[in-house]
Amino acid sequence: MFTKTERMGKMIKYLKLLIQVNSGHSSKAFFLVSVTMIGFVLLLIVGFVLVWEVVTYGTIKTDLMGLSAFVGSIASLFVTAGVTKAIGERGEHNNNLNKEEKENG
């Protein structure tokens, strides 16, 4: 296995690659995946708490309005990550088309 310093060095190297342009690593994709994983975990926690509350008390005593606001904020994170990726990909696609036209024309 890797030591703690080797793992930290690899993580720093990967983060530097995310910042570089045309490195083959996409910071938008990293952001999308990380937000999706964090949001998924948070929503699993919400679901677990609700199920635990029903099993333990036989009813839900949690403020459902606050819970809906929490779930809505997680959904807005998903939308933000997806829109960022979609806009970035659209711009890259347009740039690739312009380069191909210049090379062929």
Protein backbone atom coordinates (compact mmCIF):
# COMPACT_ATOMS: atom_id res chain seq x y z
CA MET A 1 0.00 0.00 0.00
CA PHE A 2 0.91 3.63 -0.32
CA THR A 3 2.11 5.67 2.60
CA LYS A 4 0.22 8.73 3.71
CA THR A 5 2.71 11.11 2.07
CA GLU A 6 2.59 9.19 -1.23
CA ARG A 7 -1.21 9.34 -1.27
CA MET A 8 -1.14 13.05 -0.48
CA GLY A 9 1.39 13.63 -3.26
CA LYS A 10 -0.76 11.76 -5.78
CA MET A 11 -3.82 13.72 -4.73
CA ILE A 12 -2.00 17.04 -5.11
CA LYS A 13 -0.69 15.96 -8.53
CA TYR A 14 -4.23 15.05 -9.63
CA LEU A 15 -5.62 18.37 -8.39
CA LYS A 16 -2.91 20.20 -10.38
CA LEU A 17 -3.93 18.23 -13.48
CA LEU A 18 -7.55 19.31 -12.96
CA ILE A 19 -6.48 22.96 -13.08
CA GLN A 20 -4.34 22.61 -16.23
CA VAL A 21 -5.95 23.20 -19.60
CA ASN A 22 -5.96 20.29 -22.09
CA SER A 23 -4.51 17.86 -19.55
CA GLY A 24 -7.12 15.20 -20.32
CA HIS A 25 -8.69 15.67 -16.89
CA SER A 26 -11.87 17.69 -16.62
CA SER A 27 -12.51 19.79 -13.53
CA LYS A 28 -16.16 20.05 -14.56
CA ALA A 29 -16.51 16.27 -14.61
CA PHE A 30 -14.74 16.04 -11.25
CA PHE A 31 -17.11 18.64 -9.82
CA LEU A 32 -20.13 16.83 -11.23
CA VAL A 33 -19.08 13.45 -9.84
CA SER A 34 -18.09 14.81 -6.43
CA VAL A 35 -21.34 16.79 -6.04
CA THR A 36 -23.35 13.74 -7.11
CA MET A 37 -21.61 11.48 -4.60
CA ILE A 38 -21.94 13.97 -1.74
CA GLY A 39 -25.59 14.65 -2.58
CA PHE A 40 -26.34 10.94 -2.77
CA VAL A 41 -24.84 10.38 0.68
CA LEU A 42 -26.80 13.31 2.13
CA LEU A 43 -30.06 12.03 0.65
CA LEU A 44 -29.34 8.53 2.00
CA ILE A 45 -28.89 10.05 5.46
CA VAL A 46 -32.24 11.84 5.16
CA GLY A 47 -33.95 8.63 4.10
CA PHE A 48 -32.32 6.66 6.90
CA VAL A 49 -33.38 9.23 9.51
CA LEU A 50 -36.98 9.15 8.30
CA VAL A 51 -37.12 5.33 8.29
CA TRP A 52 -35.46 5.17 11.73
CA GLU A 53 -37.95 7.69 13.10
CA VAL A 54 -40.94 5.72 11.78
CA VAL A 55 -39.58 2.42 13.12
CA THR A 56 -38.67 3.90 16.51
CA TYR A 57 -41.59 6.24 17.21
CA GLY A 58 -44.23 4.99 14.80
CA THR A 59 -44.62 8.48 13.33
CA ILE A 60 -42.59 11.28 11.77
CA LYS A 61 -41.86 14.14 14.16
CA THR A 62 -39.29 15.82 11.90
CA ASP A 63 -40.17 19.18 10.35
CA LEU A 64 -41.00 18.14 6.79
CA MET A 65 -40.95 21.72 5.47
CA GLY A 66 -37.35 22.11 6.58
CA LEU A 67 -36.55 18.70 5.19
CA SER A 68 -38.03 19.62 1.82
CA ALA A 69 -35.89 22.78 1.77
CA PHE A 70 -32.82 20.64 2.50
CA VAL A 71 -33.64 18.20 -0.31
CA GLY A 72 -34.32 21.15 -2.63
CA SER A 73 -30.92 22.63 -1.87
CA ILE A 74 -29.25 19.32 -2.70
CA ALA A 75 -31.21 19.21 -5.96
CA SER A 76 -30.02 22.73 -6.79
CA LEU A 77 -26.42 21.52 -6.30
CA PHE A 78 -27.10 18.74 -8.83
CA VAL A 79 -28.52 21.28 -11.28
CA THR A 80 -25.59 23.65 -10.79
CA ALA A 81 -23.06 20.90 -11.45
CA GLY A 82 -24.96 19.66 -14.51
CA VAL A 83 -25.42 23.12 -16.02
CA THR A 84 -21.75 23.92 -15.49
CA LYS A 85 -20.74 20.74 -17.29
CA ALA A 86 -23.27 21.25 -20.11
CA ILE A 87 -22.23 24.85 -20.79
CA GLY A 88 -18.56 23.92 -20.71
CA GLU A 89 -19.05 21.01 -23.10
CA ARG A 90 -21.07 23.18 -25.49
CA GLY A 91 -18.26 25.72 -25.58
CA GLU A 92 -15.66 22.99 -26.19
CA HIS A 93 -17.78 21.52 -28.98
CA ASN A 94 -18.06 24.90 -30.70
CA ASN A 95 -14.31 25.44 -30.40
CA ASN A 96 -13.61 22.02 -31.94
CA LEU A 97 -15.94 22.78 -34.88
CA ASN A 98 -14.20 26.11 -35.51
CA LYS A 99 -10.76 24.45 -35.48
CA GLU A 100 -11.92 21.78 -37.94
CA GLU A 101 -13.36 24.42 -40.30
CA LYS A 102 -10.09 26.37 -40.26
CA GLU A 103 -8.04 23.21 -40.95
CA ASN A 104 -10.32 22.07 -43.81
CA GLY A 105 -11.07 25.45 -45.28
